[in-house]
Amino acid sequence: MTTKRHSDSGWQGVRWVLGTVLIIQGFGSAVTEAVWDTSFGVAGLLRGAGLPQWTDLLVGAAGAALLVWALAHRASGRTHA
């Protein structure tokens, strides 16, 4: 049971980090492109691939979903611990 709990905590960290990176890259790229008409990071890659500007928002939404999942997992861990 200790192994399962340790494995869950490892994935929990991945969810926090990846969620944070995606939310910053997605929404940050969308704002930067809208305000300063330039793209960086993920937005630059998405524009290079020919994808529309709204895909930045999808990347940010995916990051937000990961952060909500991490937060829900953390909250459920506190109630069962």
Protein backbone atom coordinates (compact mmCIF):
# COMPACT_ATOMS: atom_id res chain seq x y z
CA MET A 1 0.00 0.00 0.00
CA THR A 2 2.93 2.34 0.64
CA THR A 3 4.12 1.84 -2.94
CA LYS A 4 0.73 2.83 -4.33
CA ARG A 5 0.63 5.95 -2.17
CA HIS A 6 4.20 6.92 -3.20
CA SER A 7 3.34 6.35 -6.86
CA ASP A 8 0.23 8.53 -6.52
CA SER A 9 2.27 11.34 -4.97
CA GLY A 10 4.69 11.19 -7.90
CA TRP A 11 1.87 11.57 -10.40
CA GLN A 12 0.40 14.30 -8.23
CA GLY A 13 3.57 16.32 -8.67
CA VAL A 14 3.48 15.76 -12.43
CA ARG A 15 -0.11 17.01 -12.55
CA TRP A 16 0.83 20.20 -10.65
CA VAL A 17 3.90 20.95 -12.78
CA LEU A 18 2.36 20.09 -16.14
CA GLY A 19 -0.87 21.90 -15.29
CA THR A 20 1.02 25.03 -14.29
CA VAL A 21 3.17 24.99 -17.44
CA LEU A 22 0.18 24.44 -19.71
CA ILE A 23 -1.95 27.13 -18.09
CA ILE A 24 0.86 29.68 -18.33
CA GLN A 25 1.80 28.71 -21.88
CA GLY A 26 -1.79 28.50 -23.11
CA PHE A 27 -3.39 31.55 -21.56
CA GLY A 28 -0.13 33.53 -21.46
CA SER A 29 0.43 32.89 -25.15
CA ALA A 30 -3.13 33.90 -25.98
CA VAL A 31 -2.79 37.18 -24.08
CA THR A 32 0.66 37.91 -25.51
CA GLU A 33 -0.51 37.26 -29.04
CA ALA A 34 -3.65 39.37 -28.60
CA VAL A 35 -1.92 42.33 -26.94
CA TRP A 36 1.53 42.42 -28.53
CA ASP A 37 0.85 40.48 -31.75
CA THR A 38 3.67 38.04 -31.08
CA SER A 39 3.73 34.41 -30.05
CA PHE A 40 6.07 32.44 -27.82
CA GLY A 41 6.46 28.90 -26.57
CA VAL A 42 3.52 26.68 -27.32
CA ALA A 43 1.73 29.38 -29.30
CA GLY A 44 4.74 29.75 -31.59
CA LEU A 45 4.76 26.01 -32.21
CA LEU A 46 1.01 25.94 -32.79
CA ARG A 47 1.17 28.85 -35.27
CA GLY A 48 4.10 27.17 -37.03
CA ALA A 49 1.96 24.05 -37.40
CA GLY A 50 -0.80 26.18 -38.94
CA LEU A 51 -3.27 25.82 -36.07
CA PRO A 52 -5.68 28.68 -35.24
CA GLN A 53 -5.17 31.10 -32.36
CA TRP A 54 -7.98 29.59 -30.27
CA THR A 55 -5.90 26.44 -29.76
CA ASP A 56 -3.90 28.43 -27.19
CA LEU A 57 -7.05 28.57 -25.09
CA LEU A 58 -7.40 24.78 -25.36
CA VAL A 59 -3.85 24.37 -24.04
CA GLY A 60 -4.66 26.71 -21.14
CA ALA A 61 -7.91 24.86 -20.46
CA ALA A 62 -6.03 21.54 -20.39
CA GLY A 63 -3.66 23.06 -17.83
CA ALA A 64 -6.58 24.29 -15.76
CA ALA A 65 -8.17 20.83 -15.89
CA LEU A 66 -4.93 19.23 -14.68
CA LEU A 67 -4.70 21.71 -11.81
CA VAL A 68 -8.32 21.06 -10.81
CA TRP A 69 -7.64 17.31 -10.96
CA ALA A 70 -4.54 17.74 -8.79
CA LEU A 71 -6.48 19.87 -6.33
CA ALA A 72 -9.34 17.36 -6.16
CA HIS A 73 -6.87 14.51 -5.66
CA ARG A 74 -5.18 16.46 -2.89
CA ALA A 75 -8.51 17.19 -1.19
CA SER A 76 -9.60 13.55 -1.39
CA GLY A 77 -6.27 12.45 0.03
CA ARG A 78 -6.75 14.67 3.07
CA THR A 79 -10.19 13.26 3.83
CA HIS A 80 -9.00 9.63 3.58
CA ALA A 81 -5.66 10.06 5.34
